[in-house]
Amino acid sequence: MSKSYVEVNDLDRLLSKIEKKKNQDFDKKKMGGIKKKIEEMALEEIKSTYAGTDVQVLKKEIDDKTTQIIAKSEGIAFDEFGTGFYAKGTYEGELPKEKLVFVSAGHVRATNGWQYYYYNARTKYDKDGKPITKNGKFAWRSPSRPGFPNGSLHIGKVASNRFYRSCKRIKERYRLEI
């Protein structure tokens, strides 16, 4: 199974803003030091957000102006953005809009951006073509596994917003507008 990851562009915009300031009235050495301090603080903040989990936090230098902090783990996007019909609207940031390709019920699927409830006749509809529900909410059936020969029903979960909120704390800490 492929790894899911979350990237929030707030830090990229912050570093771009610093780079613009550098070209205006700050010397390169001072700005480079500020950029490095923010990168280190961001890395520390994101690592503490995911402490005790299997999430791997990476720092990726794109160029001398851009650094990305990436949180990577199986299913992290589902945790960050939320899943299921009722979770729609619970993510506080901007959802991915690019094409997403994934495997669902053994078939390759594609959506145009993050979707909370996409059509899948094999997992979301019963043999009579009626939507599967659980406690009155749209649900989907996961594949069978030990202990659950018929699979299990899921209604999803609301967005955790962990990465997004970490980025907000970073901005607040340095009182910088992005």
Protein backbone atom coordinates (compact mmCIF):
# COMPACT_ATOMS: atom_id res chain seq x y z
CA MET A 1 0.00 0.00 0.00
CA SER A 2 1.32 3.44 -0.83
CA LYS A 3 2.19 6.05 1.75
CA SER A 4 -0.16 8.97 2.33
CA TYR A 5 1.29 12.33 3.14
CA VAL A 6 0.21 15.81 3.99
CA GLU A 7 1.94 18.96 2.86
CA VAL A 8 0.70 22.35 3.96
CA ASN A 9 1.91 25.28 1.87
CA ASP A 10 1.78 27.83 4.69
CA LEU A 11 5.45 27.35 5.52
CA ASP A 12 6.40 27.67 1.86
CA ARG A 13 4.52 30.97 1.67
CA LEU A 14 6.16 32.15 4.88
CA LEU A 15 9.62 31.37 3.54
CA SER A 16 8.77 33.03 0.21
CA LYS A 17 7.65 36.13 2.11
CA ILE A 18 10.93 36.16 4.00
CA GLU A 19 12.80 35.82 0.70
CA LYS A 20 10.95 38.85 -0.70
CA LYS A 21 11.84 40.84 2.41
CA LYS A 22 15.44 39.72 2.00
CA ASN A 23 15.51 41.34 -1.42
CA GLN A 24 14.08 44.57 0.00
CA ASP A 25 15.84 45.64 3.15
CA PHE A 26 17.52 42.76 4.97
CA ASP A 27 20.95 41.37 4.35
CA LYS A 28 21.21 37.76 3.13
CA LYS A 29 23.02 36.46 6.18
CA LYS A 30 20.37 37.77 8.60
CA MET A 31 17.51 36.41 6.47
CA GLY A 32 19.22 33.05 6.06
CA GLY A 33 19.47 32.84 9.85
CA ILE A 34 15.79 33.69 10.29
CA LYS A 35 14.81 31.13 7.66
CA LYS A 36 16.90 28.45 9.37
CA LYS A 37 15.43 29.29 12.79
CA ILE A 38 11.88 29.06 11.45
CA GLU A 39 12.67 25.76 9.69
CA GLU A 40 14.07 24.29 12.92
CA MET A 41 11.13 25.55 14.97
CA ALA A 42 8.63 24.22 12.38
CA LEU A 43 10.32 20.82 12.34
CA GLU A 44 10.23 20.68 16.15
CA GLU A 45 6.55 21.72 16.24
CA ILE A 46 5.44 19.15 13.65
CA LYS A 47 7.47 16.39 15.34
CA SER A 48 5.85 17.16 18.69
CA THR A 49 2.40 17.12 17.03
CA TYR A 50 2.95 13.53 15.91
CA ALA A 51 4.98 12.31 18.93
CA GLY A 52 4.03 8.77 19.91
CA THR A 53 2.65 7.91 16.47
CA ASP A 54 4.14 6.15 13.46
CA VAL A 55 4.27 9.42 11.53
CA GLN A 56 7.63 10.24 10.01
CA VAL A 57 8.45 13.97 9.83
CA LEU A 58 10.86 15.05 7.11
CA LYS A 59 12.47 18.29 6.07
CA LYS A 60 12.93 18.64 2.31
CA GLU A 61 15.04 21.43 0.85
CA ILE A 62 13.52 22.39 -2.50
CA ASP A 63 15.98 25.20 -3.22
CA ASP A 64 17.72 27.93 -1.23
CA LYS A 65 14.38 29.74 -0.87
CA THR A 66 11.98 26.86 -0.20
CA THR A 67 11.81 24.15 2.44
CA GLN A 68 8.95 21.72 2.96
CA ILE A 69 8.12 19.98 6.21
CA ILE A 70 6.34 16.73 5.40
CA ALA A 71 4.45 14.39 7.74
CA LYS A 72 4.33 10.92 6.22
CA SER A 73 2.56 7.72 7.26
CA GLU A 74 0.01 5.17 6.17
CA GLY A 75 -3.38 6.91 6.15
CA ILE A 76 -2.21 10.29 7.41
CA ALA A 77 -4.22 12.17 4.79
CA PHE A 78 -7.41 10.46 6.04
CA ASP A 79 -6.57 11.55 9.60
CA GLU A 80 -5.74 15.14 8.60
CA PHE A 81 -8.62 15.82 6.19
CA GLY A 82 -11.26 13.44 7.58
CA THR A 83 -13.33 10.78 5.83
CA GLY A 84 -16.96 10.03 5.14
CA PHE A 85 -19.93 12.11 4.14
CA TYR A 86 -20.52 13.65 7.56
CA ALA A 87 -16.89 14.83 7.90
CA LYS A 88 -17.29 17.30 5.04
CA GLY A 89 -16.57 20.81 6.27
CA THR A 90 -14.53 19.75 9.31
CA TYR A 91 -11.13 20.53 7.77
CA GLU A 92 -10.11 24.10 8.61
CA GLY A 93 -7.60 24.58 5.83
CA GLU A 94 -7.70 24.26 2.06
CA LEU A 95 -8.30 20.74 0.77
CA PRO A 96 -6.15 19.23 -2.00
CA LYS A 97 -7.57 20.04 -5.43
CA GLU A 98 -5.22 17.99 -7.61
CA LYS A 99 -6.22 14.61 -9.03
CA LEU A 100 -5.92 11.82 -6.44
CA VAL A 101 -5.49 8.20 -7.53
CA PHE A 102 -5.99 5.36 -5.04
CA VAL A 103 -7.18 1.76 -4.68
CA SER A 104 -10.64 1.13 -3.22
CA ALA A 105 -12.24 -2.33 -3.05
CA GLY A 106 -9.52 -3.68 -5.31
CA HIS A 107 -10.11 -1.12 -8.06
CA VAL A 108 -8.08 1.94 -8.99
CA ARG A 109 -10.14 5.08 -8.44
CA ALA A 110 -9.48 8.74 -9.18
CA THR A 111 -11.07 11.88 -7.79
CA ASN A 112 -10.56 15.54 -8.63
CA GLY A 113 -9.28 16.64 -5.25
CA TRP A 114 -10.22 15.45 -1.79
CA GLN A 115 -13.71 13.95 -1.67
CA TYR A 116 -15.51 12.86 1.45
CA TYR A 117 -17.89 10.43 -0.19
CA TYR A 118 -17.28 9.18 -3.74
CA TYR A 119 -19.35 6.68 -5.68
CA ASN A 120 -18.32 3.03 -5.34
CA ALA A 121 -21.04 0.44 -5.96
CA ARG A 122 -18.97 -2.38 -4.43
CA THR A 123 -18.53 -0.81 -1.00
CA LYS A 124 -21.28 1.80 -0.58
CA TYR A 125 -24.42 0.15 -1.95
CA ASP A 126 -26.18 -3.06 -0.99
CA LYS A 127 -27.16 -5.81 -3.44
CA ASP A 128 -30.46 -3.98 -4.11
CA GLY A 129 -28.65 -0.78 -5.09
CA LYS A 130 -29.59 1.12 -1.94
CA PRO A 131 -26.97 3.23 -0.14
CA ILE A 132 -25.49 1.54 2.92
CA THR A 133 -26.14 3.45 6.12
CA LYS A 134 -25.11 3.09 9.74
CA ASN A 135 -26.99 4.99 12.43
CA GLY A 136 -28.70 6.96 9.66
CA LYS A 137 -25.42 8.12 8.10
CA PHE A 138 -23.96 7.13 4.74
CA ALA A 139 -21.44 4.36 5.32
CA TRP A 140 -19.12 2.01 3.44
CA ARG A 141 -18.11 -1.58 3.94
CA SER A 142 -14.45 -2.48 4.33
CA PRO A 143 -13.11 -5.80 3.00
CA SER A 144 -13.35 -8.93 5.14
CA ARG A 145 -10.47 -9.67 7.50
CA PRO A 146 -9.83 -12.00 10.46
CA GLY A 147 -12.61 -11.55 12.98
CA PHE A 148 -14.76 -9.62 10.47
CA PRO A 149 -15.69 -12.10 7.71
CA ASN A 150 -18.28 -9.70 6.26
CA GLY A 151 -16.04 -6.67 6.60
CA SER A 152 -17.11 -3.82 8.81
CA LEU A 153 -19.15 -0.66 8.32
CA HIS A 154 -17.56 2.77 8.57
CA ILE A 155 -19.11 6.20 8.66
CA GLY A 156 -15.75 7.95 8.68
CA LYS A 157 -14.19 10.45 11.05
CA VAL A 158 -13.89 14.20 11.27
CA ALA A 159 -10.67 15.93 10.25
CA SER A 160 -7.96 16.05 12.93
CA ASN A 161 -6.43 19.23 11.44
CA ARG A 162 -3.18 18.34 13.27
CA PHE A 163 -0.76 19.57 10.60
CA TYR A 164 -2.87 22.60 9.75
CA ARG A 165 -3.13 23.65 13.42
CA SER A 166 0.60 23.11 13.91
CA CYS A 167 1.27 25.53 11.06
CA LYS A 168 -1.10 28.05 12.64
CA ARG A 169 0.81 27.77 15.93
CA ILE A 170 4.08 28.35 14.10
CA LYS A 171 2.69 31.50 12.47
CA GLU A 172 1.27 32.75 15.77
CA ARG A 173 4.53 32.10 17.57
CA TYR A 174 6.44 34.32 15.18
CA ARG A 175 3.55 36.76 14.66
CA LEU A 176 4.01 36.71 10.91
CA GLU A 177 1.18 37.12 8.47
CA ILE A 178 1.19 34.77 5.53
